C-alpha atoms as a PDB file:
ATOM      1  CA  MET A   1     -25.095-179.153 -59.073  1.00  0.00           C
ATOM      2  CA  ARG A   2     -26.930-182.120 -60.562  1.00  0.00           C
ATOM      3  CA  SER A   3     -30.728-182.303 -60.616  1.00  0.00           C
ATOM      4  CA  LEU A   4     -33.216-184.904 -61.850  1.00  0.00           C
ATOM      5  CA  HIS A   5     -36.305-184.002 -63.856  1.00  0.00           C
ATOM      6  CA  ARG A   6     -39.212-186.333 -64.592  1.00  0.00           C
ATOM      7  CA  PHE A   7     -41.507-186.031 -67.588  1.00  0.00           C
ATOM      8  CA  ILE A   8     -44.986-187.346 -68.319  1.00  0.00           C
ATOM      9  CA  GLU A   9     -45.130-186.811 -72.085  1.00  0.00           C
ATOM     10  CA  PRO A  10     -42.457-188.209 -74.401  1.00  0.00           C
ATOM     11  CA  ALA A  11     -42.625-185.036 -76.497  1.00  0.00           C
ATOM     12  CA  ASP A  12     -41.653-182.947 -73.469  1.00  0.00           C
ATOM     13  CA  PHE A  13     -38.886-185.390 -72.629  1.00  0.00           C
ATOM     14  CA  LEU A  14     -37.489-185.218 -76.170  1.00  0.00           C
ATOM     15  CA  ALA A  15     -37.674-181.423 -76.217  1.00  0.00           C
ATOM     16  CA  GLN A  16     -35.161-181.448 -73.376  1.00  0.00           C
ATOM     17  CA  ALA A  17     -33.192-184.640 -74.023  1.00  0.00           C
ATOM     18  CA  GLU A  18     -32.984-184.937 -77.813  1.00  0.00           C
ATOM     19  CA  PRO A  19     -29.819-182.845 -78.355  1.00  0.00           C
ATOM     20  CA  PHE A  20     -28.012-184.996 -75.783  1.00  0.00           C
ATOM     21  CA  LEU A  21     -29.354-188.240 -77.251  1.00  0.00           C
ATOM     22  CA  ARG A  22     -28.419-187.294 -80.810  1.00  0.00           C
ATOM     23  CA  CYS A  23     -24.807-186.646 -79.820  1.00  0.00           C
ATOM     24  CA  ALA A  24     -24.561-190.458 -79.778  1.00  0.00           C
ATOM     25  CA  GLU A  25     -27.556-191.270 -81.957  1.00  0.00           C
ATOM     26  CA  VAL A  26     -26.690-194.896 -82.717  1.00  0.00           C
ATOM     27  CA  GLU A  27     -25.905-195.662 -79.084  1.00  0.00           C
ATOM     28  CA  ASN A  28     -29.222-194.060 -78.068  1.00  0.00           C
ATOM     29  CA  VAL A  29     -31.314-195.269 -81.002  1.00  0.00           C
ATOM     30  CA  LEU A  30     -33.543-197.458 -78.835  1.00  0.00           C
ATOM     31  CA  MET A  31     -34.520-194.600 -76.526  1.00  0.00           C
ATOM     32  CA  LEU A  32     -35.030-192.209 -79.431  1.00  0.00           C
ATOM     33  CA  GLY A  33     -37.144-194.764 -81.265  1.00  0.00           C
ATOM     34  CA  ILE A  34     -39.363-195.473 -78.258  1.00  0.00           C
ATOM     35  CA  CYS A  35     -40.064-191.779 -77.668  1.00  0.00           C
ATOM     36  CA  SER A  36     -40.297-190.498 -81.233  1.00  0.00           C
ATOM     37  CA  PRO A  37     -43.733-189.741 -82.736  1.00  0.00           C
ATOM     38  CA  GLY A  38     -45.066-192.995 -84.125  1.00  0.00           C
ATOM     39  CA  GLY A  39     -42.478-194.926 -82.129  1.00  0.00           C
ATOM     40  CA  SER A  40     -42.912-198.188 -80.276  1.00  0.00           C
ATOM     41  CA  GLY A  41     -43.459-196.676 -76.820  1.00  0.00           C
ATOM     42  CA  ARG A  42     -46.908-196.701 -75.216  1.00  0.00           C
ATOM     43  CA  PHE A  43     -46.946-194.171 -72.389  1.00  0.00           C
ATOM     44  CA  ASP A  44     -49.217-193.922 -69.347  1.00  0.00           C
ATOM     45  CA  ASP A  45     -48.849-193.175 -65.633  1.00  0.00           C
ATOM     46  CA  SER A  46     -46.839-196.334 -65.068  1.00  0.00           C
ATOM     47  CA  CYS A  47     -44.055-195.152 -67.368  1.00  0.00           C
ATOM     48  CA  TYR A  48     -40.840-193.402 -66.431  1.00  0.00           C
ATOM     49  CA  LEU A  49     -39.028-190.636 -68.324  1.00  0.00           C
ATOM     50  CA  ALA A  50     -36.226-188.692 -66.669  1.00  0.00           C
ATOM     51  CA  THR A  51     -33.200-186.551 -67.356  1.00  0.00           C
ATOM     52  CA  VAL A  52     -30.296-185.692 -65.113  1.00  0.00           C
ATOM     53  CA  GLU A  53     -29.056-182.156 -65.729  1.00  0.00           C
ATOM     54  CA  GLU A  54     -26.180-179.937 -64.742  1.00  0.00           C
ATOM     55  CA  ASP A  55     -26.380-176.201 -65.428  1.00  0.00           C
ATOM     56  CA  GLN A  56     -29.496-176.918 -67.555  1.00  0.00           C
ATOM     57  CA  ALA A  57     -27.514-179.335 -69.764  1.00  0.00           C
ATOM     58  CA  VAL A  58     -28.623-182.987 -69.913  1.00  0.00           C
ATOM     59  CA  VAL A  59     -25.930-185.431 -68.810  1.00  0.00           C
ATOM     60  CA  ALA A  60     -27.984-188.663 -68.570  1.00  0.00           C
ATOM     61  CA  CYS A  61     -31.432-190.089 -69.352  1.00  0.00           C
ATOM     62  CA  ALA A  62     -33.552-193.077 -68.391  1.00  0.00           C
ATOM     63  CA  LEU A  63     -36.928-194.438 -69.390  1.00  0.00           C
ATOM     64  CA  ARG A  64     -39.203-197.388 -68.796  1.00  0.00           C
ATOM     65  CA  THR A  65     -42.489-198.451 -70.359  1.00  0.00           C
ATOM     66  CA  PRO A  66     -43.700-201.377 -68.195  1.00  0.00           C
ATOM     67  CA  PRO A  67     -43.580-204.319 -68.450  1.00  0.00           C
ATOM     68  CA  TYR A  68     -40.358-203.743 -70.385  1.00  0.00           C
ATOM     69  CA  SER A  69     -36.869-203.167 -69.035  1.00  0.00           C
ATOM     70  CA  ALA A  70     -35.577-199.774 -67.985  1.00  0.00           C
ATOM     71  CA  VAL A  71     -33.292-198.217 -70.623  1.00  0.00           C
ATOM     72  CA  LEU A  72     -30.399-195.963 -69.661  1.00  0.00           C
ATOM     73  CA  THR A  73     -27.930-193.782 -71.520  1.00  0.00           C
ATOM     74  CA  ARG A  74     -24.254-193.428 -70.797  1.00  0.00           C
ATOM     75  CA  ALA A  75     -23.870-191.694 -67.410  1.00  0.00           C
ATOM     76  CA  ASP A  76     -21.371-191.078 -64.649  1.00  0.00           C
ATOM     77  CA  ARG A  77     -21.790-192.465 -61.157  1.00  0.00           C
ATOM     78  CA  GLU A  78     -23.290-189.283 -59.687  1.00  0.00           C
ATOM     79  CA  ALA A  79     -26.029-189.238 -62.335  1.00  0.00           C
ATOM     80  CA  LEU A  80     -26.678-192.943 -61.851  1.00  0.00           C
ATOM     81  CA  GLU A  81     -27.110-192.471 -58.104  1.00  0.00           C
ATOM     82  CA  LEU A  82     -29.851-189.910 -58.771  1.00  0.00           C
ATOM     83  CA  LEU A  83     -31.572-192.237 -61.238  1.00  0.00           C
ATOM     84  CA  VAL A  84     -31.386-195.243 -58.916  1.00  0.00           C
ATOM     85  CA  THR A  85     -32.912-193.251 -56.048  1.00  0.00           C
ATOM     86  CA  ASP A  86     -35.725-191.930 -58.233  1.00  0.00           C
ATOM     87  CA  LEU A  87     -36.473-195.249 -59.959  1.00  0.00           C
ATOM     88  CA  ALA A  88     -36.606-197.002 -56.581  1.00  0.00           C
ATOM     89  CA  GLY A  89     -39.201-194.452 -55.533  1.00  0.00           C
ATOM     90  CA  LYS A  90     -41.252-195.134 -58.655  1.00  0.00           C
ATOM     91  CA  TYR A  91     -41.077-198.943 -58.791  1.00  0.00           C
ATOM     92  CA  GLN A  92     -41.132-201.457 -55.970  1.00  0.00           C
ATOM     93  CA  ASP A  93     -39.391-203.946 -58.257  1.00  0.00           C
ATOM     94  CA  LEU A  94     -37.437-203.514 -61.469  1.00  0.00           C
ATOM     95  CA  PRO A  95     -37.177-206.705 -63.544  1.00  0.00           C
ATOM     96  CA  ALA A  96     -34.327-205.577 -65.771  1.00  0.00           C
ATOM     97  CA  ALA A  97     -32.326-202.641 -67.087  1.00  0.00           C
ATOM     98  CA  ALA A  98     -30.256-202.218 -70.238  1.00  0.00           C
ATOM     99  CA  GLY A  99     -27.688-199.677 -71.314  1.00  0.00           C
ATOM    100  CA  PRO A 100     -24.146-199.109 -72.537  1.00  0.00           C
ATOM    101  CA  GLU A 101     -21.118-200.307 -70.642  1.00  0.00           C
ATOM    102  CA  PRO A 102     -19.716-199.384 -68.183  1.00  0.00           C
ATOM    103  CA  ALA A 103     -22.662-197.255 -67.025  1.00  0.00           C
ATOM    104  CA  ILE A 104     -25.117-200.149 -66.874  1.00  0.00           C
ATOM    105  CA  ARG A 105     -22.748-202.214 -64.741  1.00  0.00           C
ATOM    106  CA  ASP A 106     -22.469-199.315 -62.280  1.00  0.00           C
ATOM    107  CA  PHE A 107     -26.260-198.908 -62.311  1.00  0.00           C
ATOM    108  CA  ALA A 108     -26.728-202.599 -61.462  1.00  0.00           C
ATOM    109  CA  GLU A 109     -24.263-202.300 -58.591  1.00  0.00           C
ATOM    110  CA  LEU A 110     -26.016-199.214 -57.212  1.00  0.00           C
ATOM    111  CA  TRP A 111     -29.478-200.757 -57.663  1.00  0.00           C
ATOM    112  CA  THR A 112     -28.571-203.913 -55.744  1.00  0.00           C
ATOM    113  CA  ALA A 113     -26.929-201.897 -52.971  1.00  0.00           C
ATOM    114  CA  ARG A 114     -30.049-199.767 -52.572  1.00  0.00           C
ATOM    115  CA  THR A 115     -32.778-202.388 -52.964  1.00  0.00           C
ATOM    116  CA  GLY A 116     -31.163-205.620 -51.808  1.00  0.00           C
ATOM    117  CA  ALA A 117     -31.981-207.219 -55.154  1.00  0.00           C
ATOM    118  CA  THR A 118     -29.581-209.561 -56.878  1.00  0.00           C
ATOM    119  CA  ALA A 119     -28.352-208.755 -60.372  1.00  0.00           C
ATOM    120  CA  ARG A 120     -26.949-210.822 -63.200  1.00  0.00           C
ATOM    121  CA  PRO A 121     -25.862-209.834 -66.702  1.00  0.00           C
ATOM    122  CA  ALA A 122     -28.410-211.761 -68.781  1.00  0.00           C
ATOM    123  CA  VAL A 123     -27.574-210.672 -72.334  1.00  0.00           C
ATOM    124  CA  ARG A 124     -24.388-209.006 -73.538  1.00  0.00           C
ATOM    125  CA  MET A 125     -24.833-207.207 -76.839  1.00  0.00           C
ATOM    126  CA  ARG A 126     -22.932-205.021 -79.260  1.00  0.00           C
ATOM    127  CA  VAL A 127     -24.555-202.299 -81.339  1.00  0.00           C
ATOM    128  CA  PHE A 128     -23.234-201.928 -84.885  1.00  0.00           C
ATOM    129  CA  GLU A 129     -23.740-199.183 -87.463  1.00  0.00           C
ATOM    130  CA  ALA A 130     -23.694-199.335 -91.273  1.00  0.00           C
ATOM    131  CA  ARG A 131     -23.447-196.330 -93.582  1.00  0.00           C
ATOM    132  CA  HIS A 132     -22.572-198.362 -96.665  1.00  0.00           C
ATOM    133  CA  VAL A 133     -23.404-201.918 -97.690  1.00  0.00           C
ATOM    134  CA  PHE A 134     -21.002-204.501 -99.078  1.00  0.00           C
ATOM    135  CA  GLN A 135     -23.179-206.972-100.945  1.00  0.00           C
ATOM    136  CA  PRO A 136     -22.462-210.552 -99.857  1.00  0.00           C
ATOM    137  CA  PRO A 137     -22.392-213.540-102.223  1.00  0.00           C
ATOM    138  CA  LEU A 138     -26.053-214.017-103.033  1.00  0.00           C
ATOM    139  CA  PRO A 139     -27.823-217.278-102.287  1.00  0.00           C
ATOM    140  CA  SER A 140     -30.679-218.477-104.442  1.00  0.00           C
ATOM    141  CA  GLY A 141     -34.014-216.817-103.858  1.00  0.00           C
ATOM    142  CA  ALA A 142     -35.269-213.249-103.650  1.00  0.00           C
ATOM    143  CA  PHE A 143     -35.952-210.436-101.200  1.00  0.00           C
ATOM    144  CA  ARG A 144     -39.513-209.177-100.715  1.00  0.00           C
ATOM    145  CA  MET A 145     -41.809-207.411 -98.264  1.00  0.00           C
ATOM    146  CA  ALA A 146     -43.817-209.683 -95.973  1.00  0.00           C
ATOM    147  CA  THR A 147     -47.578-209.946 -96.493  1.00  0.00           C
ATOM    148  CA  GLU A 148     -50.534-211.228 -94.478  1.00  0.00           C
ATOM    149  CA  ALA A 149     -49.892-214.643 -95.988  1.00  0.00           C
ATOM    150  CA  ASP A 150     -46.610-214.723 -94.024  1.00  0.00           C
ATOM    151  CA  LEU A 151     -48.227-214.051 -90.631  1.00  0.00           C
ATOM    152  CA  ALA A 152     -48.190-217.639 -89.350  1.00  0.00           C
ATOM    153  CA  THR A 153     -44.548-218.143 -90.345  1.00  0.00           C
ATOM    154  CA  ALA A 154     -43.482-214.745 -89.008  1.00  0.00           C
ATOM    155  CA  THR A 155     -45.236-215.418 -85.688  1.00  0.00           C
ATOM    156  CA  GLN A 156     -43.495-218.776 -85.321  1.00  0.00           C
ATOM    157  CA  TRP A 157     -40.141-217.206 -86.132  1.00  0.00           C
ATOM    158  CA  ALA A 158     -40.746-214.260 -83.767  1.00  0.00           C
ATOM    159  CA  GLU A 159     -41.424-216.714 -80.913  1.00  0.00           C
ATOM    160  CA  ALA A 160     -38.212-218.570 -81.732  1.00  0.00           C
ATOM    161  CA  PHE A 161     -36.309-215.270 -81.971  1.00  0.00           C
ATOM    162  CA  PHE A 162     -37.454-214.229 -78.475  1.00  0.00           C
ATOM    163  CA  ASP A 163     -36.457-217.648 -77.101  1.00  0.00           C
ATOM    164  CA  GLU A 164     -33.025-217.669 -78.728  1.00  0.00           C
ATOM    165  CA  THR A 165     -32.039-214.106 -77.860  1.00  0.00           C
ATOM    166  CA  GLY A 166     -33.104-214.428 -74.228  1.00  0.00           C
ATOM    167  CA  LEU A 167     -34.064-210.754 -73.995  1.00  0.00           C
ATOM    168  CA  ASN A 168     -36.549-209.588 -71.363  1.00  0.00           C
ATOM    169  CA  ASP A 169     -39.296-209.028 -73.940  1.00  0.00           C
ATOM    170  CA  PRO A 170     -42.857-209.848 -72.850  1.00  0.00           C
ATOM    171  CA  SER A 171     -44.289-208.940 -76.265  1.00  0.00           C
ATOM    172  CA  ASP A 172     -46.773-211.279 -77.883  1.00  0.00           C
ATOM    173  CA  ALA A 173     -45.097-212.719 -80.991  1.00  0.00           C
ATOM    174  CA  SER A 174     -48.298-212.687 -83.017  1.00  0.00           C
ATOM    175  CA  ASP A 175     -48.932-209.026 -82.204  1.00  0.00           C
ATOM    176  CA  VAL A 176     -45.351-208.127 -83.113  1.00  0.00           C
ATOM    177  CA  ALA A 177     -45.490-209.918 -86.460  1.00  0.00           C
ATOM    178  CA  ARG A 178     -48.924-208.522 -87.310  1.00  0.00           C
ATOM    179  CA  GLU A 179     -47.827-204.947 -86.590  1.00  0.00           C
ATOM    180  CA  GLN A 180     -44.610-205.339 -88.596  1.00  0.00           C
ATOM    181  CA  ILE A 181     -46.581-206.577 -91.597  1.00  0.00           C
ATOM    182  CA  ARG A 182     -49.193-203.829 -91.195  1.00  0.00           C
ATOM    183  CA  ARG A 183     -46.646-201.032 -91.310  1.00  0.00           C
ATOM    184  CA  GLY A 184     -44.519-202.640 -94.023  1.00  0.00           C
ATOM    185  CA  SER A 185     -41.408-203.080 -91.903  1.00  0.00           C
ATOM    186  CA  LEU A 186     -40.950-206.865 -92.171  1.00  0.00           C
ATOM    187  CA  PHE A 187     -39.094-208.455 -95.083  1.00  0.00           C
ATOM    188  CA  ILE A 188     -38.575-212.012 -96.209  1.00  0.00           C
ATOM    189  CA  TRP A 189     -35.894-213.874 -98.114  1.00  0.00           C
ATOM    190  CA  GLU A 190     -37.753-216.504-100.098  1.00  0.00           C
ATOM    191  CA  ASP A 191     -36.154-219.509-101.761  1.00  0.00           C
ATOM    192  CA  THR A 192     -39.169-221.445-103.037  1.00  0.00           C
ATOM    193  CA  ARG A 193     -40.591-220.760 -99.562  1.00  0.00           C
ATOM    194  CA  PRO A 194     -39.716-218.246 -96.816  1.00  0.00           C
ATOM    195  CA  VAL A 195     -36.357-219.086 -95.260  1.00  0.00           C
ATOM    196  CA  SER A 196     -35.250-215.910 -93.447  1.00  0.00           C
ATOM    197  CA  MET A 197     -36.617-212.578 -92.216  1.00  0.00           C
ATOM    198  CA  ALA A 198     -35.460-209.143 -91.040  1.00  0.00           C
ATOM    199  CA  ALA A 199     -37.332-206.006 -90.008  1.00  0.00           C
ATOM    200  CA  TRP A 200     -36.749-202.378 -89.167  1.00  0.00           C
ATOM    201  CA  ALA A 201     -38.000-200.358 -86.196  1.00  0.00           C
ATOM    202  CA  GLY A 202     -37.527-197.049 -84.440  1.00  0.00           C
ATOM    203  CA  ARG A 203     -36.742-194.501 -87.134  1.00  0.00           C
ATOM    204  CA  THR A 204     -35.093-191.575 -85.368  1.00  0.00           C
ATOM    205  CA  GLY A 205     -34.644-189.150 -88.250  1.00  0.00           C
ATOM    206  CA  GLN A 206     -31.247-190.245 -89.547  1.00  0.00           C
ATOM    207  CA  THR A 207     -30.975-193.752 -88.137  1.00  0.00           C
ATOM    208  CA  VAL A 208     -33.126-196.866 -87.921  1.00  0.00           C
ATOM    209  CA  ARG A 209     -32.723-200.210 -86.167  1.00  0.00           C
ATOM    210  CA  VAL A 210     -32.642-203.436 -88.108  1.00  0.00           C
ATOM    211  CA  ASN A 211     -34.073-206.178 -85.905  1.00  0.00           C
ATOM    212  CA  SER A 212     -35.955-209.493 -85.796  1.00  0.00           C
ATOM    213  CA  VAL A 213     -33.301-211.175 -87.925  1.00  0.00           C
ATOM    214  CA  TYR A 214     -34.101-214.870 -88.001  1.00  0.00           C
ATOM    215  CA  THR A 215     -33.447-217.858 -90.240  1.00  0.00           C
ATOM    216  CA  SER A 216     -35.193-221.167 -89.693  1.00  0.00           C
ATOM    217  CA  PRO A 217     -32.670-223.688 -88.292  1.00  0.00           C
ATOM    218  CA  GLU A 218     -32.831-226.047 -91.272  1.00  0.00           C
ATOM    219  CA  HIS A 219     -31.822-223.202 -93.614  1.00  0.00           C
ATOM    220  CA  ARG A 220     -28.917-221.703 -91.685  1.00  0.00           C
ATOM    221  CA  GLY A 221     -25.392-221.481 -93.021  1.00  0.00           C
ATOM    222  CA  ARG A 222     -26.485-220.726 -96.590  1.00  0.00           C
ATOM    223  CA  GLY A 223     -26.180-216.939 -96.568  1.00  0.00           C
ATOM    224  CA  TYR A 224     -29.895-216.169 -96.376  1.00  0.00           C
ATOM    225  CA  ALA A 225     -29.642-213.883 -93.309  1.00  0.00           C
ATOM    226  CA  SER A 226     -26.670-212.000 -94.750  1.00  0.00           C
ATOM    227  CA  ALA A 227     -28.539-211.367 -97.980  1.00  0.00           C
ATOM    228  CA  CYS A 228     -31.772-210.387 -96.233  1.00  0.00           C
ATOM    229  CA  VAL A 229     -30.044-207.897 -93.914  1.00  0.00           C
ATOM    230  CA  ALA A 230     -27.880-206.501 -96.731  1.00  0.00           C
ATOM    231  CA  PHE A 231     -30.885-205.904 -98.990  1.00  0.00           C
ATOM    232  CA  LEU A 232     -32.924-204.362 -96.166  1.00  0.00           C
ATOM    233  CA  THR A 233     -30.053-202.105 -95.075  1.00  0.00           C
ATOM    234  CA  GLN A 234     -29.489-200.893 -98.635  1.00  0.00           C
ATOM    235  CA  ARG A 235     -33.206-200.254 -99.069  1.00  0.00           C
ATOM    236  CA  LEU A 236     -33.302-198.117 -95.920  1.00  0.00           C
ATOM    237  CA  LEU A 237     -30.187-196.151 -96.879  1.00  0.00           C
ATOM    238  CA  ASP A 238     -31.647-195.567-100.340  1.00  0.00           C
ATOM    239  CA  GLU A 239     -34.684-193.997 -98.646  1.00  0.00           C
ATOM    240  CA  GLY A 240     -32.397-191.247 -97.340  1.00  0.00           C
ATOM    241  CA  LEU A 241     -31.331-192.486 -93.927  1.00  0.00           C
ATOM    242  CA  THR A 242     -27.738-191.777 -92.922  1.00  0.00           C
ATOM    243  CA  SER A 243     -27.184-195.104 -91.199  1.00  0.00           C
ATOM    244  CA  CYS A 244     -28.723-198.330 -89.958  1.00  0.00           C
ATOM    245  CA  CYS A 245     -27.845-200.035 -86.715  1.00  0.00           C
ATOM    246  CA  ILE A 246     -28.267-203.523 -85.363  1.00  0.00           C
ATOM    247  CA  TYR A 247     -27.853-205.187 -81.956  1.00  0.00           C
ATOM    248  CA  THR A 248     -26.049-208.520 -81.814  1.00  0.00           C
ATOM    249  CA  ASP A 249     -25.623-211.075 -79.058  1.00  0.00           C
ATOM    250  CA  LEU A 250     -21.921-211.276 -78.179  1.00  0.00           C
ATOM    251  CA  ALA A 251     -22.458-214.966 -77.406  1.00  0.00           C
ATOM    252  CA  ASN A 252     -23.271-215.514 -81.106  1.00  0.00           C
ATOM    253  CA  PRO A 253     -20.002-215.084 -83.066  1.00  0.00           C
ATOM    254  CA  THR A 254     -21.720-215.959 -86.359  1.00  0.00           C
ATOM    255  CA  SER A 255     -24.033-212.940 -86.345  1.00  0.00           C
ATOM    256  CA  ASN A 256     -21.221-210.608 -85.319  1.00  0.00           C
ATOM    257  CA  LYS A 257     -19.125-211.874 -88.217  1.00  0.00           C
ATOM    258  CA  ILE A 258     -21.742-211.744 -90.968  1.00  0.00           C
ATOM    259  CA  TYR A 259     -22.925-208.233 -90.140  1.00  0.00           C
ATOM    260  CA  GLN A 260     -19.393-206.875 -90.226  1.00  0.00           C
ATOM    261  CA  ALA A 261     -18.866-208.562 -93.587  1.00  0.00           C
ATOM    262  CA  ILE A 262     -21.730-206.553 -95.097  1.00  0.00           C
ATOM    263  CA  GLY A 263     -20.598-203.207 -93.704  1.00  0.00           C
ATOM    264  CA  TYR A 264     -21.631-202.939 -90.062  1.00  0.00           C
ATOM    265  CA  ARG A 265     -19.040-201.511 -87.649  1.00  0.00           C
ATOM    266  CA  PRO A 266     -19.075-201.757 -83.823  1.00  0.00           C
ATOM    267  CA  VAL A 267     -20.182-198.696 -81.851  1.00  0.00           C
ATOM    268  CA  ALA A 268     -20.802-199.724 -78.238  1.00  0.00           C
ATOM    269  CA  ASP A 269     -21.326-202.690 -75.952  1.00  0.00           C
ATOM    270  CA  VAL A 270     -24.709-202.925 -74.252  1.00  0.00           C
ATOM    271  CA  THR A 271     -25.785-205.272 -71.452  1.00  0.00           C
ATOM    272  CA  GLU A 272     -29.182-206.186 -70.068  1.00  0.00           C
ATOM    273  CA  TYR A 273     -29.108-206.944 -66.348  1.00  0.00           C
ATOM    274  CA  ARG A 274     -31.898-208.942 -64.693  1.00  0.00           C
ATOM    275  CA  PHE A 275     -32.866-208.200 -61.096  1.00  0.00           C
ATOM    276  CA  GLU A 276     -34.512-210.422 -58.534  1.00  0.00           C
ATOM    277  CA  ALA A 277     -35.917-208.927 -55.367  1.00  0.00           C
ATOM    278  CA  GLY A 278     -33.936-209.688 -52.222  1.00  0.00           C
END
C-alpha cells in the first residue's frame, strides 16, 4: 500500500529519499542540489517536501520552495495522485511544476482535473550528462573566473538568460550574479572583453549542474559558448566529480548540438508546465 510522508527539514527528507534519488542522480540533480547542505534551497513553513513510499521504499518525491515551481521525480500514476491531493491541500494555487516525462505530463493532467486549473507545457528541456570532454576548436580569448568587476555584465546577461529561456524563475538577476561571483561558480570567456559566461550549481556529491550559459548576441556563432562550457566541464571533472549535467531548451537546436559535440549525452526529457487557476 502506498503512503505519503511530508518533511519539514531537507536533511530529514534526504535521509529517506537520497538512495532513491541517487539511483537516477543526473535526472534528479536539481532536487538533490536544492536539498543538499549548502544548496540553493531556502526552506521555511511555506515549503513542501514529500516522499511516496511502498513497503518503506521510496517510489516518488516532490518538493517546492515558493515562489519557485514544484519539482517532481519520475513516478507512476498512483504516486502522482497522492502527490496531487497533498499539494492541493498545501497550496491554493500552483504556478508551475517541472519533472521528467511522462510523469510530469500525467501530473499536469491530474492537477487540472482536481483543481480546475488550465495547464500548458511552457518549456521543454533535455538533461544531458558529460563524463569526458571533447575539446572544441578554440576561439580567440581565454577562460577565467568571474570577479566583482564583471557584476554589471553578469547581471545584464542573467536578465537576458531568464528572458530567453522562459523558465518560471522569479530570481533577481543581480542577486544571482552576485552570489555566483561570491562563491566562485561563475566563469567568463574573454576575448578582449567578456563575450560569454557559464556557471555551476547544485553539487550533489558526484554530479554538478552547469547552468547560466549565455553569449551576448553580437558574439554568437564564434564558438565562445562551446569553449566556455568545455573548459568549465573539464575543470569540474578534474576536481573529482564523476559527471556534469546541463539542461537545454529543446526549442534551441544550436545548444543541443554544441553540447553533444563536446561530450554531453542525453539522459531524460524534462518539461515545465504552467498552471492558471480556473
